[in-house]
C-alpha atoms as a PDB file:
ATOM      1  CA  MET A   1      30.000  23.085-101.373  1.00  0.00           C
ATOM      2  CA  LYS A   2      32.899  20.834-102.488  1.00  0.00           C
ATOM      3  CA  SER A   3      33.407  22.898-105.621  1.00  0.00           C
ATOM      4  CA  ARG A   4      33.620  26.078-103.527  1.00  0.00           C
ATOM      5  CA  ILE A   5      36.282  24.467-101.340  1.00  0.00           C
ATOM      6  CA  ILE A   6      38.323  23.542-104.438  1.00  0.00           C
ATOM      7  CA  TYR A   7      37.977  27.100-105.760  1.00  0.00           C
ATOM      8  CA  LEU A   8      39.077  28.567-102.432  1.00  0.00           C
ATOM      9  CA  PHE A   9      42.166  26.352-102.185  1.00  0.00           C
ATOM     10  CA  SER A  10      43.011  27.208-105.802  1.00  0.00           C
ATOM     11  CA  ALA A  11      42.689  30.925-105.030  1.00  0.00           C
ATOM     12  CA  ILE A  12      44.962  30.598-101.988  1.00  0.00           C
ATOM     13  CA  LEU A  13      47.600  28.664-103.968  1.00  0.00           C
ATOM     14  CA  PHE A  14      47.390  31.111-106.874  1.00  0.00           C
ATOM     15  CA  SER A  15      47.779  34.134-104.585  1.00  0.00           C
ATOM     16  CA  VAL A  16      50.845  32.609-102.928  1.00  0.00           C
ATOM     17  CA  ILE A  17      52.503  31.846-106.290  1.00  0.00           C
ATOM     18  CA  ILE A  18      51.816  35.356-107.589  1.00  0.00           C
ATOM     19  CA  SER A  19      53.175  36.907-104.398  1.00  0.00           C
ATOM     20  CA  LEU A  20      56.363  34.837-104.551  1.00  0.00           C
ATOM     21  CA  VAL A  21      56.951  35.796-108.186  1.00  0.00           C
ATOM     22  CA  THR A  22      56.109  39.499-108.057  1.00  0.00           C
ATOM     23  CA  THR A  23      57.313  40.642-104.617  1.00  0.00           C
ATOM     24  CA  ASP A  24      60.612  42.466-104.345  1.00  0.00           C
ATOM     25  CA  TYR A  25      62.519  40.336-101.845  1.00  0.00           C
ATOM     26  CA  SER A  26      64.779  43.226-100.808  1.00  0.00           C
ATOM     27  CA  ILE A  27      61.695  45.161 -99.685  1.00  0.00           C
ATOM     28  CA  CYS A  28      60.503  42.155 -97.678  1.00  0.00           C
ATOM     29  CA  GLN A  29      63.868  41.983 -95.925  1.00  0.00           C
ATOM     30  CA  GLU A  30      63.350  45.534 -94.653  1.00  0.00           C
ATOM     31  CA  LYS A  31      60.127  44.402 -92.963  1.00  0.00           C
ATOM     32  CA  THR A  32      61.912  42.024 -90.586  1.00  0.00           C
ATOM     33  CA  LEU A  33      60.565  42.573 -87.082  1.00  0.00           C
ATOM     34  CA  PRO A  34      63.037  43.693 -84.402  1.00  0.00           C
ATOM     35  CA  SER A  35      61.758  40.892 -82.164  1.00  0.00           C
ATOM     36  CA  PHE A  36      58.926  38.413 -81.828  1.00  0.00           C
ATOM     37  CA  SER A  37      55.509  40.170 -82.009  1.00  0.00           C
ATOM     38  CA  GLU A  38      57.137  43.518 -81.256  1.00  0.00           C
ATOM     39  CA  LEU A  39      56.917  47.037 -82.696  1.00  0.00           C
ATOM     40  CA  ASP A  40      58.793  50.121 -81.487  1.00  0.00           C
ATOM     41  CA  GLY A  41      59.915  48.296 -78.358  1.00  0.00           C
ATOM     42  CA  HIS A  42      56.393  47.155 -77.403  1.00  0.00           C
ATOM     43  CA  LYS A  43      55.659  43.430 -77.113  1.00  0.00           C
ATOM     44  CA  PHE A  44      52.067  42.544 -78.061  1.00  0.00           C
ATOM     45  CA  LEU A  45      50.171  39.829 -76.192  1.00  0.00           C
ATOM     46  CA  ASN A  46      49.131  36.940 -78.445  1.00  0.00           C
ATOM     47  CA  ASN A  47      45.434  36.734 -77.515  1.00  0.00           C
ATOM     48  CA  THR A  48      43.697  33.678 -78.997  1.00  0.00           C
ATOM     49  CA  SER A  49      40.477  35.480 -79.933  1.00  0.00           C
ATOM     50  CA  ILE A  50      42.120  38.481 -81.648  1.00  0.00           C
ATOM     51  CA  GLY A  51      45.443  37.246 -82.974  1.00  0.00           C
ATOM     52  CA  LEU A  52      48.417  39.231 -84.283  1.00  0.00           C
ATOM     53  CA  PRO A  53      49.506  40.394 -87.760  1.00  0.00           C
ATOM     54  CA  PHE A  54      53.076  39.113 -87.459  1.00  0.00           C
ATOM     55  CA  THR A  55      54.509  36.227 -89.490  1.00  0.00           C
ATOM     56  CA  ASN A  56      56.726  34.803 -86.732  1.00  0.00           C
ATOM     57  CA  THR A  57      56.972  31.052 -86.248  1.00  0.00           C
ATOM     58  CA  TYR A  58      55.297  29.986 -83.021  1.00  0.00           C
ATOM     59  CA  TYR A  59      53.414  27.183 -81.288  1.00  0.00           C
ATOM     60  CA  LYS A  60      50.500  27.914 -78.984  1.00  0.00           C
ATOM     61  CA  THR A  61      48.246  25.883 -76.716  1.00  0.00           C
ATOM     62  CA  VAL A  62      45.243  27.011 -74.690  1.00  0.00           C
ATOM     63  CA  LEU A  63      43.448  24.873 -72.109  1.00  0.00           C
ATOM     64  CA  GLY A  64      40.275  26.434 -70.754  1.00  0.00           C
ATOM     65  CA  MET A  65      37.220  25.725 -68.660  1.00  0.00           C
ATOM     66  CA  GLY A  66      34.075  27.756 -68.061  1.00  0.00           C
ATOM     67  CA  GLN A  67      30.588  27.813 -66.629  1.00  0.00           C
ATOM     68  CA  THR A  68      27.396  29.771 -67.042  1.00  0.00           C
ATOM     69  CA  VAL A  69      26.739  32.619 -64.610  1.00  0.00           C
ATOM     70  CA  GLY A  70      23.281  33.176 -63.111  1.00  0.00           C
ATOM     71  CA  LEU A  71      21.630  30.759 -65.537  1.00  0.00           C
ATOM     72  CA  ASP A  72      17.853  30.418 -65.402  1.00  0.00           C
ATOM     73  CA  LEU A  73      17.100  27.431 -67.608  1.00  0.00           C
ATOM     74  CA  PRO A  74      13.966  27.544 -69.771  1.00  0.00           C
ATOM     75  CA  ASP A  75      10.982  25.464 -68.673  1.00  0.00           C
ATOM     76  CA  LEU A  76      10.347  22.170 -70.428  1.00  0.00           C
ATOM     77  CA  VAL A  77       7.120  22.600 -72.380  1.00  0.00           C
ATOM     78  CA  ILE A  78       5.327  19.724 -74.114  1.00  0.00           C
ATOM     79  CA  ASN A  79       1.984  20.190 -75.871  1.00  0.00           C
ATOM     80  CA  ASN A  80       1.944  23.815 -74.643  1.00  0.00           C
ATOM     81  CA  LYS A  81       2.102  22.653 -71.008  1.00  0.00           C
ATOM     82  CA  LYS A  82       4.970  23.207 -68.616  1.00  0.00           C
ATOM     83  CA  VAL A  83       6.048  19.792 -67.370  1.00  0.00           C
ATOM     84  CA  TYR A  84       9.320  20.599 -65.595  1.00  0.00           C
ATOM     85  CA  SER A  85      11.317  23.568 -64.280  1.00  0.00           C
ATOM     86  CA  PRO A  86      14.946  22.437 -64.606  1.00  0.00           C
ATOM     87  CA  GLN A  87      17.830  23.496 -62.405  1.00  0.00           C
ATOM     88  CA  GLY A  88      21.523  23.404 -63.168  1.00  0.00           C
ATOM     89  CA  ASN A  89      24.302  25.084 -65.106  1.00  0.00           C
ATOM     90  CA  LEU A  90      26.316  24.571 -68.274  1.00  0.00           C
ATOM     91  CA  VAL A  91      29.989  23.611 -68.131  1.00  0.00           C
ATOM     92  CA  PHE A  92      32.396  24.251 -71.000  1.00  0.00           C
ATOM     93  CA  THR A  93      35.867  22.954 -71.830  1.00  0.00           C
ATOM     94  CA  ASP A  94      38.224  24.235 -74.532  1.00  0.00           C
ATOM     95  CA  LEU A  95      41.461  22.922 -75.995  1.00  0.00           C
ATOM     96  CA  VAL A  96      43.223  24.955 -78.693  1.00  0.00           C
ATOM     97  CA  PHE A  97      46.385  24.173 -80.673  1.00  0.00           C
ATOM     98  CA  VAL A  98      47.916  26.751 -83.027  1.00  0.00           C
ATOM     99  CA  TYR A  99      51.054  26.411 -85.125  1.00  0.00           C
ATOM    100  CA  GLN A 100      52.374  29.123 -87.447  1.00  0.00           C
ATOM    101  CA  GLN A 101      55.335  28.630 -89.761  1.00  0.00           C
ATOM    102  CA  GLN A 102      57.131  31.589 -91.315  1.00  0.00           C
ATOM    103  CA  ILE A 103      57.776  30.992 -95.028  1.00  0.00           C
ATOM    104  CA  ARG A 104      59.211  34.422 -95.813  1.00  0.00           C
ATOM    105  CA  ASP A 105      59.657  37.543 -93.684  1.00  0.00           C
ATOM    106  CA  TRP A 106      56.278  38.651 -95.012  1.00  0.00           C
ATOM    107  CA  LEU A 107      54.495  35.283 -95.422  1.00  0.00           C
ATOM    108  CA  ALA A 108      53.395  32.534 -93.016  1.00  0.00           C
ATOM    109  CA  PHE A 109      51.227  29.427 -92.940  1.00  0.00           C
ATOM    110  CA  ASN A 110      48.925  28.993 -89.950  1.00  0.00           C
ATOM    111  CA  GLY A 111      47.004  25.958 -88.705  1.00  0.00           C
ATOM    112  CA  LYS A 112      44.585  25.827 -85.774  1.00  0.00           C
ATOM    113  CA  ILE A 113      42.714  22.969 -84.088  1.00  0.00           C
ATOM    114  CA  ILE A 114      39.940  23.600 -81.554  1.00  0.00           C
ATOM    115  CA  VAL A 115      38.235  20.921 -79.465  1.00  0.00           C
ATOM    116  CA  ASN A 116      35.517  21.916 -77.041  1.00  0.00           C
ATOM    117  CA  ALA A 117      32.472  20.612 -75.241  1.00  0.00           C
ATOM    118  CA  LYS A 118      29.321  21.819 -73.524  1.00  0.00           C
ATOM    119  CA  VAL A 119      27.428  19.716 -70.994  1.00  0.00           C
ATOM    120  CA  GLY A 120      24.589  20.472 -68.618  1.00  0.00           C
ATOM    121  CA  THR A 121      25.115  19.855 -64.924  1.00  0.00           C
ATOM    122  CA  GLU A 122      22.508  18.142 -62.751  1.00  0.00           C
ATOM    123  CA  ALA A 123      19.492  16.462 -64.309  1.00  0.00           C
ATOM    124  CA  GLY A 124      17.809  19.702 -65.374  1.00  0.00           C
ATOM    125  CA  GLY A 125      20.770  21.099 -67.262  1.00  0.00           C
ATOM    126  CA  LEU A 126      21.527  17.760 -68.887  1.00  0.00           C
ATOM    127  CA  ILE A 127      17.953  17.249 -70.074  1.00  0.00           C
ATOM    128  CA  THR A 128      17.482  20.812 -71.310  1.00  0.00           C
ATOM    129  CA  GLU A 129      20.874  21.392 -72.953  1.00  0.00           C
ATOM    130  CA  GLY A 130      22.112  17.870 -73.577  1.00  0.00           C
ATOM    131  CA  ILE A 131      25.740  17.503 -74.645  1.00  0.00           C
ATOM    132  CA  ASN A 132      27.546  19.340 -77.455  1.00  0.00           C
ATOM    133  CA  LEU A 133      30.988  18.322 -78.723  1.00  0.00           C
ATOM    134  CA  GLY A 134      32.717  20.534 -81.255  1.00  0.00           C
ATOM    135  CA  THR A 135      35.872  20.362 -83.349  1.00  0.00           C
ATOM    136  CA  ALA A 136      37.221  23.026 -85.675  1.00  0.00           C
ATOM    137  CA  PHE A 137      40.128  23.035 -88.144  1.00  0.00           C
ATOM    138  CA  ASN A 138      41.434  26.276 -89.623  1.00  0.00           C
ATOM    139  CA  LEU A 139      44.119  26.581 -92.330  1.00  0.00           C
ATOM    140  CA  SER A 140      45.315  29.944 -93.583  1.00  0.00           C
ATOM    141  CA  TRP A 141      48.020  31.846 -95.452  1.00  0.00           C
ATOM    142  CA  MET A 142      49.006  35.145 -93.838  1.00  0.00           C
ATOM    143  CA  ALA A 143      50.760  37.914 -95.782  1.00  0.00           C
ATOM    144  CA  ASN A 144      52.145  41.128 -94.336  1.00  0.00           C
ATOM    145  CA  VAL A 145      50.465  43.982 -96.237  1.00  0.00           C
ATOM    146  CA  TYR A 146      52.077  47.031 -94.639  1.00  0.00           C
ATOM    147  CA  GLN A 147      54.444  47.684 -91.775  1.00  0.00           C
ATOM    148  CA  ASN A 148      56.392  50.567 -90.334  1.00  0.00           C
ATOM    149  CA  LYS A 149      57.948  51.345 -86.962  1.00  0.00           C
ATOM    150  CA  LYS A 150      54.597  51.792 -85.156  1.00  0.00           C
ATOM    151  CA  MET A 151      52.062  49.602 -86.943  1.00  0.00           C
ATOM    152  CA  SER A 152      51.572  46.382 -88.871  1.00  0.00           C
ATOM    153  CA  LEU A 153      48.719  45.119 -91.061  1.00  0.00           C
ATOM    154  CA  SER A 154      48.324  41.617 -92.473  1.00  0.00           C
ATOM    155  CA  SER A 155      45.710  39.738 -94.483  1.00  0.00           C
ATOM    156  CA  SER A 156      44.895  36.027 -94.401  1.00  0.00           C
ATOM    157  CA  LEU A 157      42.999  33.743 -96.737  1.00  0.00           C
ATOM    158  CA  TYR A 158      41.604  30.829 -94.791  1.00  0.00           C
ATOM    159  CA  ILE A 159      39.308  27.851 -94.871  1.00  0.00           C
ATOM    160  CA  ALA A 160      37.649  26.454 -91.742  1.00  0.00           C
ATOM    161  CA  ARG A 161      35.797  23.238 -91.022  1.00  0.00           C
ATOM    162  CA  ASN A 162      33.609  22.923 -87.913  1.00  0.00           C
ATOM    163  CA  ASP A 163      31.850  19.744 -86.819  1.00  0.00           C
ATOM    164  CA  ILE A 164      29.309  19.888 -84.004  1.00  0.00           C
ATOM    165  CA  LEU A 165      28.003  16.701 -82.400  1.00  0.00           C
ATOM    166  CA  VAL A 166      24.723  17.358 -80.592  1.00  0.00           C
ATOM    167  CA  VAL A 167      23.137  15.003 -78.055  1.00  0.00           C
ATOM    168  CA  ASP A 168      19.637  16.518 -77.762  1.00  0.00           C
ATOM    169  CA  LEU A 169      17.734  14.700 -75.011  1.00  0.00           C
ATOM    170  CA  TYR A 170      14.940  17.249 -74.700  1.00  0.00           C
ATOM    171  CA  ASN A 171      13.820  17.353 -78.333  1.00  0.00           C
ATOM    172  CA  PHE A 172      14.317  13.594 -78.686  1.00  0.00           C
ATOM    173  CA  VAL A 173      11.860  12.880 -75.850  1.00  0.00           C
ATOM    174  CA  LYS A 174       9.517  15.672 -76.931  1.00  0.00           C
ATOM    175  CA  ASN A 175       9.275  14.305 -80.484  1.00  0.00           C
ATOM    176  CA  ILE A 176       8.558  10.814 -79.163  1.00  0.00           C
ATOM    177  CA  ILE A 177       5.624  12.206 -77.178  1.00  0.00           C
ATOM    178  CA  ASP A 178       4.376  14.381 -80.045  1.00  0.00           C
ATOM    179  CA  SER A 179       4.634  11.504 -82.551  1.00  0.00           C
ATOM    180  CA  SER A 180       3.466   8.777 -80.153  1.00  0.00           C
ATOM    181  CA  GLY A 181       6.639   6.827 -80.806  1.00  0.00           C
ATOM    182  CA  LEU A 182       9.981   6.817 -82.592  1.00  0.00           C
ATOM    183  CA  THR A 183      10.195   8.225 -86.110  1.00  0.00           C
ATOM    184  CA  LYS A 184      12.910   8.042 -88.733  1.00  0.00           C
ATOM    185  CA  ASP A 185      13.800  11.726 -88.475  1.00  0.00           C
ATOM    186  CA  ASN A 186      13.883  11.807 -84.659  1.00  0.00           C
ATOM    187  CA  LYS A 187      17.526  11.350 -83.710  1.00  0.00           C
ATOM    188  CA  LEU A 188      19.130  11.538 -80.302  1.00  0.00           C
ATOM    189  CA  VAL A 189      22.553  12.333 -81.763  1.00  0.00           C
ATOM    190  CA  ARG A 190      23.018  14.699 -84.696  1.00  0.00           C
ATOM    191  CA  SER A 191      26.133  15.828 -86.512  1.00  0.00           C
ATOM    192  CA  ILE A 192      26.262  19.352 -87.933  1.00  0.00           C
ATOM    193  CA  PRO A 193      29.137  20.177 -90.324  1.00  0.00           C
ATOM    194  CA  LEU A 194      30.075  23.772 -91.152  1.00  0.00           C
ATOM    195  CA  THR A 195      32.577  24.628 -93.894  1.00  0.00           C
ATOM    196  CA  ARG A 196      33.518  28.253 -94.476  1.00  0.00           C
ATOM    197  CA  GLY A 197      36.232  30.226 -96.189  1.00  0.00           C
ATOM    198  CA  GLY A 198      37.114  33.890 -96.283  1.00  0.00           C
ATOM    199  CA  LEU A 199      39.432  36.813 -95.603  1.00  0.00           C
ATOM    200  CA  ARG A 200      40.803  38.019 -92.261  1.00  0.00           C
ATOM    201  CA  LEU A 201      42.648  41.276 -91.493  1.00  0.00           C
ATOM    202  CA  ASN A 202      44.878  41.655 -88.421  1.00  0.00           C
ATOM    203  CA  TYR A 203      46.254  44.969 -87.185  1.00  0.00           C
ATOM    204  CA  ALA A 204      48.641  46.077 -84.447  1.00  0.00           C
ATOM    205  CA  TYR A 205      49.702  49.559 -83.328  1.00  0.00           C
ATOM    206  CA  ALA A 206      52.316  50.493 -80.714  1.00  0.00           C
ATOM    207  CA  PHE A 207      51.563  53.742 -78.866  1.00  0.00           C
ATOM    208  CA  ASN A 208      54.842  53.419 -76.959  1.00  0.00           C
ATOM    209  CA  LYS A 209      56.909  50.715 -75.260  1.00  0.00           C
ATOM    210  CA  THR A 210      54.164  50.098 -72.702  1.00  0.00           C
ATOM    211  CA  PHE A 211      50.842  50.396 -74.546  1.00  0.00           C
ATOM    212  CA  GLY A 212      49.551  48.909 -77.778  1.00  0.00           C
ATOM    213  CA  ALA A 213      46.357  48.012 -79.631  1.00  0.00           C
ATOM    214  CA  ILE A 214      45.413  44.980 -81.710  1.00  0.00           C
ATOM    215  CA  ALA A 215      42.354  44.338 -83.871  1.00  0.00           C
ATOM    216  CA  ASN A 216      40.931  41.978 -86.456  1.00  0.00           C
ATOM    217  CA  ALA A 217      38.052  41.824 -88.912  1.00  0.00           C
ATOM    218  CA  THR A 218      36.807  38.750 -90.771  1.00  0.00           C
ATOM    219  CA  VAL A 219      34.379  38.179 -93.626  1.00  0.00           C
ATOM    220  CA  ASP A 220      33.634  34.694 -94.894  1.00  0.00           C
ATOM    221  CA  TYR A 221      31.073  32.626 -96.750  1.00  0.00           C
ATOM    222  CA  GLY A 222      29.847  29.108 -96.134  1.00  0.00           C
ATOM    223  CA  GLU A 223      27.324  26.810 -94.535  1.00  0.00           C
ATOM    224  CA  SER A 224      24.995  28.294 -91.945  1.00  0.00           C
ATOM    225  CA  ALA A 225      24.687  26.931 -88.400  1.00  0.00           C
ATOM    226  CA  TYR A 226      20.947  27.425 -88.780  1.00  0.00           C
ATOM    227  CA  ARG A 227      20.125  24.277 -90.684  1.00  0.00           C
ATOM    228  CA  THR A 228      16.950  25.728 -92.231  1.00  0.00           C
ATOM    229  CA  GLU A 229      19.070  28.297 -94.090  1.00  0.00           C
ATOM    230  CA  GLY A 230      21.355  27.876 -97.059  1.00  0.00           C
ATOM    231  CA  ASP A 231      24.910  29.174 -97.360  1.00  0.00           C
ATOM    232  CA  ALA A 232      25.406  32.589 -95.798  1.00  0.00           C
ATOM    233  CA  TRP A 233      27.874  35.434 -95.357  1.00  0.00           C
ATOM    234  CA  ASN A 234      29.353  35.756 -91.879  1.00  0.00           C
ATOM    235  CA  TYR A 235      31.503  38.349 -90.152  1.00  0.00           C
ATOM    236  CA  SER A 236      33.350  39.042 -86.927  1.00  0.00           C
ATOM    237  CA  TYR A 237      35.463  41.806 -85.442  1.00  0.00           C
ATOM    238  CA  ALA A 238      37.566  42.291 -82.322  1.00  0.00           C
ATOM    239  CA  LEU A 239      39.564  45.058 -80.646  1.00  0.00           C
ATOM    240  CA  GLY A 240      41.966  44.904 -77.716  1.00  0.00           C
ATOM    241  CA  PHE A 241      44.344  47.184 -75.813  1.00  0.00           C
ATOM    242  CA  ASP A 242      47.381  45.775 -74.028  1.00  0.00           C
ATOM    243  CA  ALA A 243      50.041  47.032 -71.630  1.00  0.00           C
ATOM    244  CA  ASP A 244      53.478  45.528 -71.007  1.00  0.00           C
ATOM    245  CA  LEU A 245      55.073  46.744 -67.769  1.00  0.00           C
ATOM    246  CA  TYR A 246      58.459  45.159 -68.412  1.00  0.00           C
ATOM    247  CA  PRO A 247      60.217  47.720 -70.705  1.00  0.00           C
ATOM    248  CA  ILE A 248      59.754  50.694 -68.341  1.00  0.00           C
ATOM    249  CA  GLN A 249      58.860  49.311 -64.902  1.00  0.00           C
ATOM    250  CA  LYS A 250      60.932  46.091 -65.177  1.00  0.00           C
ATOM    251  CA  VAL A 251      57.874  44.154 -63.982  1.00  0.00           C
ATOM    252  CA  PRO A 252      57.397  41.086 -66.240  1.00  0.00           C
ATOM    253  CA  LEU A 253      53.617  41.372 -66.508  1.00  0.00           C
ATOM    254  CA  GLY A 254      51.313  42.279 -69.383  1.00  0.00           C
ATOM    255  CA  PHE A 255      47.579  42.962 -69.447  1.00  0.00           C
ATOM    256  CA  LEU A 256      45.008  42.978 -72.231  1.00  0.00           C
ATOM    257  CA  ALA A 257      41.348  44.037 -72.328  1.00  0.00           C
ATOM    258  CA  GLY A 258      39.165  43.741 -75.418  1.00  0.00           C
ATOM    259  CA  PHE A 259      35.841  42.976 -77.059  1.00  0.00           C
ATOM    260  CA  MET A 260      34.766  40.579 -79.811  1.00  0.00           C
ATOM    261  CA  HIS A 261      31.535  40.192 -81.778  1.00  0.00           C
ATOM    262  CA  ASN A 262      30.799  37.230 -84.031  1.00  0.00           C
ATOM    263  CA  SER A 263      27.818  36.541 -86.279  1.00  0.00           C
ATOM    264  CA  VAL A 264      28.785  32.855 -86.401  1.00  0.00           C
ATOM    265  CA  PRO A 265      27.941  30.544 -83.477  1.00  0.00           C
ATOM    266  CA  SER A 266      30.946  29.048 -81.753  1.00  0.00           C
ATOM    267  CA  THR A 267      31.825  25.389 -82.256  1.00  0.00           C
ATOM    268  CA  ARG A 268      30.128  24.654 -78.927  1.00  0.00           C
ATOM    269  CA  GLU A 269      26.665  25.508 -80.165  1.00  0.00           C
ATOM    270  CA  GLU A 270      24.270  24.251 -82.802  1.00  0.00           C
ATOM    271  CA  THR A 271      22.472  27.599 -82.951  1.00  0.00           C
ATOM    272  CA  ASP A 272      22.667  30.841 -81.069  1.00  0.00           C
ATOM    273  CA  SER A 273      22.445  34.494 -81.992  1.00  0.00           C
ATOM    274  CA  GLN A 274      25.264  36.994 -82.339  1.00  0.00           C
ATOM    275  CA  PRO A 275      27.748  36.051 -79.572  1.00  0.00           C
ATOM    276  CA  ASN A 276      29.486  38.949 -77.799  1.00  0.00           C
ATOM    277  CA  VAL A 277      32.633  38.495 -75.722  1.00  0.00           C
ATOM    278  CA  PHE A 278      34.591  40.637 -73.265  1.00  0.00           C
ATOM    279  CA  LEU A 279      38.251  39.618 -73.211  1.00  0.00           C
ATOM    280  CA  PHE A 280      40.884  39.987 -70.517  1.00  0.00           C
ATOM    281  CA  SER A 281      44.297  38.425 -70.040  1.00  0.00           C
ATOM    282  CA  ILE A 282      47.306  38.705 -67.765  1.00  0.00           C
ATOM    283  CA  ASN A 283      50.621  37.419 -69.063  1.00  0.00           C
ATOM    284  CA  TYR A 284      54.228  36.876 -68.105  1.00  0.00           C
ATOM    285  CA  THR A 285      56.337  39.020 -70.448  1.00  0.00           C
ATOM    286  CA  GLY A 286      59.847  38.584 -69.049  1.00  0.00           C
ATOM    287  CA  ARG A 287      61.035  36.566 -72.073  1.00  0.00           C
ATOM    288  CA  LYS A 288      60.814  37.520 -75.731  1.00  0.00           C
ATOM    289  CA  ASP A 289      60.414  33.893 -76.883  1.00  0.00           C
ATOM    290  CA  LEU A 290      57.625  33.034 -74.424  1.00  0.00           C
ATOM    291  CA  ASP A 291      54.119  34.371 -73.769  1.00  0.00           C
ATOM    292  CA  LEU A 292      52.490  32.672 -70.785  1.00  0.00           C
ATOM    293  CA  GLY A 293      49.322  33.740 -69.020  1.00  0.00           C
ATOM    294  CA  LEU A 294      45.625  33.492 -68.258  1.00  0.00           C
ATOM    295  CA  GLU A 295      42.937  34.390 -70.806  1.00  0.00           C
ATOM    296  CA  VAL A 296      39.546  35.268 -69.332  1.00  0.00           C
ATOM    297  CA  SER A 297      36.433  35.704 -71.477  1.00  0.00           C
ATOM    298  CA  TYR A 298      32.879  36.685 -70.601  1.00  0.00           C
ATOM    299  CA  ASN A 299      30.525  35.540 -73.361  1.00  0.00           C
ATOM    300  CA  TRP A 300      26.843  36.344 -73.645  1.00  0.00           C
ATOM    301  CA  TYR A 301      24.263  35.578 -76.298  1.00  0.00           C
ATOM    302  CA  LYS A 302      20.566  34.946 -76.735  1.00  0.00           C
ATOM    303  CA  PRO A 303      19.988  31.323 -77.732  1.00  0.00           C
ATOM    304  CA  SER A 304      17.527  30.485 -80.444  1.00  0.00           C
ATOM    305  CA  GLY A 305      15.136  27.563 -80.381  1.00  0.00           C
ATOM    306  CA  TYR A 306      13.577  28.434 -77.010  1.00  0.00           C
ATOM    307  CA  LYS A 307      10.135  29.942 -77.509  1.00  0.00           C
ATOM    308  CA  ASN A 308       9.589  30.269 -73.769  1.00  0.00           C
ATOM    309  CA  PHE A 309      13.010  31.681 -72.894  1.00  0.00           C
ATOM    310  CA  ASP A 310      13.691  35.431 -73.085  1.00  0.00           C
ATOM    311  CA  GLY A 311      16.989  35.542 -71.200  1.00  0.00           C
ATOM    312  CA  THR A 312      20.624  35.273 -72.257  1.00  0.00           C
ATOM    313  CA  PHE A 313      23.331  32.732 -71.620  1.00  0.00           C
ATOM    314  CA  ASN A 314      26.273  34.321 -69.733  1.00  0.00           C
ATOM    315  CA  ILE A 315      29.480  32.274 -69.738  1.00  0.00           C
ATOM    316  CA  LEU A 316      32.717  32.906 -67.850  1.00  0.00           C
ATOM    317  CA  THR A 317      35.743  31.021 -69.211  1.00  0.00           C
ATOM    318  CA  ILE A 318      39.328  30.923 -67.953  1.00  0.00           C
ATOM    319  CA  GLY A 319      42.138  29.470 -70.048  1.00  0.00           C
ATOM    320  CA  LEU A 320      45.866  28.891 -69.667  1.00  0.00           C
ATOM    321  CA  ASN A 321      47.731  30.233 -72.691  1.00  0.00           C
ATOM    322  CA  SER A 322      51.250  29.176 -73.612  1.00  0.00           C
ATOM    323  CA  THR A 323      52.908  30.626 -76.731  1.00  0.00           C
ATOM    324  CA  ILE A 324      56.464  29.659 -77.679  1.00  0.00           C
ATOM    325  CA  TYR A 325      58.252  31.595 -80.445  1.00  0.00           C
ATOM    326  CA  PHE A 326      61.020  30.111 -82.580  1.00  0.00           C
ATOM    327  CA  TRP A 327      63.961  31.869 -84.195  1.00  0.00           C
END
């Protein structure tokens, strides 16, 4: 895996050098945006899950909290016998830092740090789900591929490192019972590293001053969250539609609704299957250098590893988003 990381960094550096040497700078100057994250008079909302194709310099923080909705925890089964029907919920916290630095009008460097946690409430949730702590680091180079008055498309080469710390009370106790004692491989705390690298496309289109659409698509390759598998290809895609009431109605509010699908488990989870997310946000849009608002996400997925659980985990998360743009 280390050799693949070296190759990926080399490819990113090589692509940047080639772009700097071969690009006509006068053409790049014509691609200067009329304002921060704006096309044809429409200001796009900088949603954390979807992102934008613009190379502006900005700093962004998101602080979020969430909880499962209508959770029916799986029964605790040992030696094919149900020993406990747990009660409780799962609580999530998220902290996201993003900094993007514009290198040229068409080129930017982006760094992202994500810290999040999952913990079960009450005894049942804590025993069944334990505690998960996750950190993720993402470094990327973004290049503007095409832009006109109404639309913009960018591509990014990136490398990401996720580390998931799992405190698994249920399987720890279960293995003690099954093995009649402690064994070398039975660990209460496990660390799961995931290193991936790939290509991301971001797109934005302005229908008019009020309405716009943003989208992304990602393909990458790296370690699988399912530890029984080897390296694997992963993908994700997202689409959102936003509305800014300020240009026409002079009301400094913006709204966004969207959807995201990801084949890769989030940094909260050791394993799960194909997370799906509904996205919604409401933002203050009265200033061009500031994007402030609430990001709401409704996430559902079917967890793996539960032979006696046929339901889904439904998670509602609310986050405070603050994005500051720099000239």
